C-alpha atoms as a PDB file:
ATOM      1  CA  MET A   1     126.988 151.043  86.193  1.00  0.00           C
ATOM      2  CA  PHE A   2     129.451 148.177  86.165  1.00  0.00           C
ATOM      3  CA  SER A   3     132.969 148.653  84.977  1.00  0.00           C
ATOM      4  CA  SER A   4     135.192 145.788  84.066  1.00  0.00           C
ATOM      5  CA  PRO A   5     138.250 145.327  86.260  1.00  0.00           C
ATOM      6  CA  PRO A   6     141.483 146.534  84.707  1.00  0.00           C
ATOM      7  CA  THR A   7     143.241 143.809  82.770  1.00  0.00           C
ATOM      8  CA  LEU A   8     146.621 142.922  84.191  1.00  0.00           C
ATOM      9  CA  THR A   9     149.443 142.066  81.850  1.00  0.00           C
ATOM     10  CA  LEU A  10     151.469 138.899  82.212  1.00  0.00           C
ATOM     11  CA  ASN A  11     154.330 140.945  83.692  1.00  0.00           C
ATOM     12  CA  GLN A  12     152.038 142.531  86.295  1.00  0.00           C
ATOM     13  CA  ILE A  13     150.554 139.177  87.309  1.00  0.00           C
ATOM     14  CA  TRP A  14     154.030 137.672  87.555  1.00  0.00           C
ATOM     15  CA  HIS A  15     155.360 140.594  89.601  1.00  0.00           C
ATOM     16  CA  LYS A  16     152.537 140.138  92.128  1.00  0.00           C
ATOM     17  CA  PHE A  17     153.250 136.416  92.299  1.00  0.00           C
ATOM     18  CA  LYS A  18     156.998 136.895  92.816  1.00  0.00           C
ATOM     19  CA  THR A  19     156.371 139.462  95.542  1.00  0.00           C
ATOM     20  CA  ALA A  20     154.075 137.031  97.368  1.00  0.00           C
ATOM     21  CA  LEU A  21     156.553 134.183  96.864  1.00  0.00           C
ATOM     22  CA  LEU A  22     159.451 136.174  98.310  1.00  0.00           C
ATOM     23  CA  ALA A  23     157.355 137.348 101.261  1.00  0.00           C
ATOM     24  CA  ALA A  24     156.343 133.757 102.046  1.00  0.00           C
ATOM     25  CA  ALA A  25     159.918 132.495 101.687  1.00  0.00           C
ATOM     26  CA  ARG A  26     161.303 135.220 103.916  1.00  0.00           C
ATOM     27  CA  SER A  27     158.712 134.544 106.621  1.00  0.00           C
ATOM     28  CA  HIS A  28     159.390 130.786 106.479  1.00  0.00           C
ATOM     29  CA  PHE A  29     163.185 131.204 106.452  1.00  0.00           C
ATOM     30  CA  PRO A  30     163.625 134.389 108.538  1.00  0.00           C
ATOM     31  CA  ARG A  31     167.366 133.956 109.095  1.00  0.00           C
ATOM     32  CA  LYS A  32     168.270 133.553 105.431  1.00  0.00           C
ATOM     33  CA  THR A  33     168.701 136.208 102.797  1.00  0.00           C
ATOM     34  CA  ILE A  34     166.558 135.088  99.892  1.00  0.00           C
ATOM     35  CA  SER A  35     166.899 136.547  96.443  1.00  0.00           C
ATOM     36  CA  LEU A  36     165.583 135.062  93.223  1.00  0.00           C
ATOM     37  CA  MET A  37     168.656 136.443  91.484  1.00  0.00           C
ATOM     38  CA  LYS A  38     171.084 134.325  93.542  1.00  0.00           C
ATOM     39  CA  PRO A  39     169.998 130.697  93.078  1.00  0.00           C
ATOM     40  CA  LYS A  40     172.835 129.264  95.180  1.00  0.00           C
ATOM     41  CA  THR A  41     171.507 131.024  98.280  1.00  0.00           C
ATOM     42  CA  ILE A  42     168.003 129.627  97.840  1.00  0.00           C
ATOM     43  CA  PRO A  43     166.974 126.835 100.206  1.00  0.00           C
ATOM     44  CA  HIS A  44     166.444 123.483  98.494  1.00  0.00           C
ATOM     45  CA  GLU A  45     162.727 123.583  99.340  1.00  0.00           C
ATOM     46  CA  LEU A  46     162.269 126.727  97.263  1.00  0.00           C
ATOM     47  CA  GLN A  47     164.110 125.616  94.132  1.00  0.00           C
ATOM     48  CA  PRO A  48     160.964 124.476  92.253  1.00  0.00           C
ATOM     49  CA  TYR A  49     159.531 127.954  92.798  1.00  0.00           C
ATOM     50  CA  VAL A  50     162.715 129.555  91.534  1.00  0.00           C
ATOM     51  CA  TYR A  51     162.512 127.353  88.444  1.00  0.00           C
ATOM     52  CA  LEU A  52     159.041 128.764  87.751  1.00  0.00           C
ATOM     53  CA  SER A  53     160.289 132.270  88.342  1.00  0.00           C
ATOM     54  CA  HIS A  54     163.225 131.945  85.979  1.00  0.00           C
ATOM     55  CA  SER A  55     161.219 130.224  83.252  1.00  0.00           C
ATOM     56  CA  LEU A  56     158.633 133.008  83.228  1.00  0.00           C
ATOM     57  CA  ASP A  57     161.315 135.689  83.387  1.00  0.00           C
ATOM     58  CA  TYR A  58     163.006 134.108  80.379  1.00  0.00           C
ATOM     59  CA  PHE A  59     159.706 133.928  78.505  1.00  0.00           C
ATOM     60  CA  THR A  60     158.824 137.566  79.177  1.00  0.00           C
ATOM     61  CA  MET A  61     162.286 138.694  78.054  1.00  0.00           C
ATOM     62  CA  SER A  62     161.958 136.688  74.838  1.00  0.00           C
ATOM     63  CA  LEU A  63     158.721 138.502  73.944  1.00  0.00           C
ATOM     64  CA  LYS A  64     160.740 141.472  72.684  1.00  0.00           C
ATOM     65  CA  LYS A  65     162.227 139.306  69.938  1.00  0.00           C
ATOM     66  CA  LEU A  66     158.911 138.106  68.515  1.00  0.00           C
ATOM     67  CA  SER A  67     157.619 139.764  65.394  1.00  0.00           C
ATOM     68  CA  SER A  68     154.321 138.021  64.646  1.00  0.00           C
ATOM     69  CA  ILE A  69     151.224 136.669  66.340  1.00  0.00           C
ATOM     70  CA  THR A  70     151.990 133.260  64.846  1.00  0.00           C
ATOM     71  CA  ARG A  71     155.377 133.136  66.536  1.00  0.00           C
ATOM     72  CA  LEU A  72     153.883 134.413  69.808  1.00  0.00           C
ATOM     73  CA  THR A  73     151.217 131.699  69.673  1.00  0.00           C
ATOM     74  CA  VAL A  74     153.806 128.953  69.141  1.00  0.00           C
ATOM     75  CA  LEU A  75     156.100 130.231  71.894  1.00  0.00           C
ATOM     76  CA  TRP A  76     153.203 130.794  74.322  1.00  0.00           C
ATOM     77  CA  SER A  77     151.939 127.273  73.670  1.00  0.00           C
ATOM     78  CA  GLN A  78     155.358 125.754  74.350  1.00  0.00           C
ATOM     79  CA  PHE A  79     155.808 127.797  77.495  1.00  0.00           C
ATOM     80  CA  PHE A  80     152.293 127.442  78.900  1.00  0.00           C
ATOM     81  CA  ASN A  81     152.083 123.695  78.314  1.00  0.00           C
ATOM     82  CA  ASN A  82     155.263 123.234  80.394  1.00  0.00           C
ATOM     83  CA  PHE A  83     154.482 125.902  82.992  1.00  0.00           C
ATOM     84  CA  GLU A  84     150.860 125.046  83.813  1.00  0.00           C
ATOM     85  CA  PRO A  85     151.372 121.509  85.226  1.00  0.00           C
ATOM     86  CA  VAL A  86     154.347 122.606  87.352  1.00  0.00           C
ATOM     87  CA  PHE A  87     152.414 125.610  88.658  1.00  0.00           C
ATOM     88  CA  ASN A  88     149.352 123.486  89.469  1.00  0.00           C
ATOM     89  CA  LYS A  89     151.522 120.933  91.274  1.00  0.00           C
ATOM     90  CA  LEU A  90     153.192 123.593  93.420  1.00  0.00           C
ATOM     91  CA  PHE A  91     150.028 125.643  93.961  1.00  0.00           C
ATOM     92  CA  PRO A  92     147.057 123.250  93.795  1.00  0.00           C
ATOM     93  CA  ASN A  93     144.784 125.703  95.612  1.00  0.00           C
ATOM     94  CA  HIS A  94     145.686 128.640  93.365  1.00  0.00           C
ATOM     95  CA  SER A  95     145.061 127.340  89.872  1.00  0.00           C
ATOM     96  CA  GLY A  96     142.617 130.218  89.443  1.00  0.00           C
ATOM     97  CA  LEU A  97     145.591 132.537  89.028  1.00  0.00           C
ATOM     98  CA  LEU A  98     146.147 131.004  85.605  1.00  0.00           C
ATOM     99  CA  ASN A  99     142.583 131.827  84.555  1.00  0.00           C
ATOM    100  CA  GLY A 100     143.649 135.401  83.858  1.00  0.00           C
ATOM    101  CA  LEU A 101     146.016 134.172  81.166  1.00  0.00           C
ATOM    102  CA  SER A 102     144.931 133.267  77.657  1.00  0.00           C
ATOM    103  CA  HIS A 103     145.022 129.567  76.945  1.00  0.00           C
ATOM    104  CA  PRO A 104     147.361 128.883  73.994  1.00  0.00           C
ATOM    105  CA  SER A 105     144.502 127.469  71.921  1.00  0.00           C
ATOM    106  CA  GLN A 106     142.603 130.761  72.307  1.00  0.00           C
ATOM    107  CA  LEU A 107     145.407 133.271  71.860  1.00  0.00           C
ATOM    108  CA  LEU A 108     144.830 133.872  68.159  1.00  0.00           C
ATOM    109  CA  MET A 109     141.095 134.361  68.756  1.00  0.00           C
ATOM    110  CA  VAL A 110     141.832 136.808  71.590  1.00  0.00           C
ATOM    111  CA  PHE A 111     144.209 138.716  69.316  1.00  0.00           C
ATOM    112  CA  ASP A 112     141.693 138.873  66.455  1.00  0.00           C
ATOM    113  CA  SER A 113     138.901 140.086  68.726  1.00  0.00           C
ATOM    114  CA  SER A 114     141.115 142.740  70.340  1.00  0.00           C
ATOM    115  CA  ASN A 115     141.332 144.820  67.137  1.00  0.00           C
ATOM    116  CA  LEU A 116     144.836 145.843  68.205  1.00  0.00           C
ATOM    117  CA  SER A 117     147.960 145.876  66.124  1.00  0.00           C
ATOM    118  CA  TYR A 118     150.417 143.120  66.981  1.00  0.00           C
ATOM    119  CA  ASN A 119     152.726 145.555  68.813  1.00  0.00           C
ATOM    120  CA  GLU A 120     149.847 146.984  70.872  1.00  0.00           C
ATOM    121  CA  PHE A 121     148.654 143.468  71.702  1.00  0.00           C
ATOM    122  CA  LEU A 122     152.156 142.431  72.719  1.00  0.00           C
ATOM    123  CA  ILE A 123     152.405 145.400  75.110  1.00  0.00           C
ATOM    124  CA  GLN A 124     149.151 144.370  76.774  1.00  0.00           C
ATOM    125  CA  PHE A 125     150.102 140.701  76.791  1.00  0.00           C
END
């Protein structure tokens, strides 16, 4: 019997990505201390990646303030439409990572088909 793979939340996907990003940065710059929390210590070459990191961190923190699926859809659309091209430019061979995320045009349909309350959906988002 087949079982569907567990669905990862946006936070879980992002945590995996940040872990991989930091590991790659530390192996490429072994003599530098690299922390995403201290932007001034980040090598210039890594700043576009830090921008992605901070923009997604900001988005995930703002989720707590949203009170409706309509507002989530608008905010997700604004975020995703800015994030996707930058991500694809930096990671052209890894665009499949974005396939696990709902496209903004489909978010309302995904919510409706989930049969979850908004708060439950937001937790799984």
